[in-house]
Amino acid sequence: MHEPFIIPVSYQGQEYEFKARFERWGYTHRIAVLIDEMTFTFEPDEEGGYRALINPEQPMAPIPMNLHLLQTIAEKLAKLSNA
């Protein structure tokens, strides 16, 4: 299942839709999310939530990434995986 899908997220009073794709990763999975032309990989953590990773070979964003937005997306993914 590598078909792209959309993750709807409410952030700071606005609705956003981010393109994402599910990736099998050994015995677990990762979800790659496109945010402002950068791909962030979210993987399950030990507490049942998700953590965001960035590929070190990927060029850095011209503006700093909003960590609260990444946290909001991680929380949304955790809710979806428990649904």
Foldseek 3Di string as FASTA:
>chain_A
DFDKDWQWFQDPNDIDIWIWGWADDVPFIWIWTQDPNATWIWGADPVQWIDIDHDPVDDDDPDDDDVVVVVRSRRSVSVVVVD
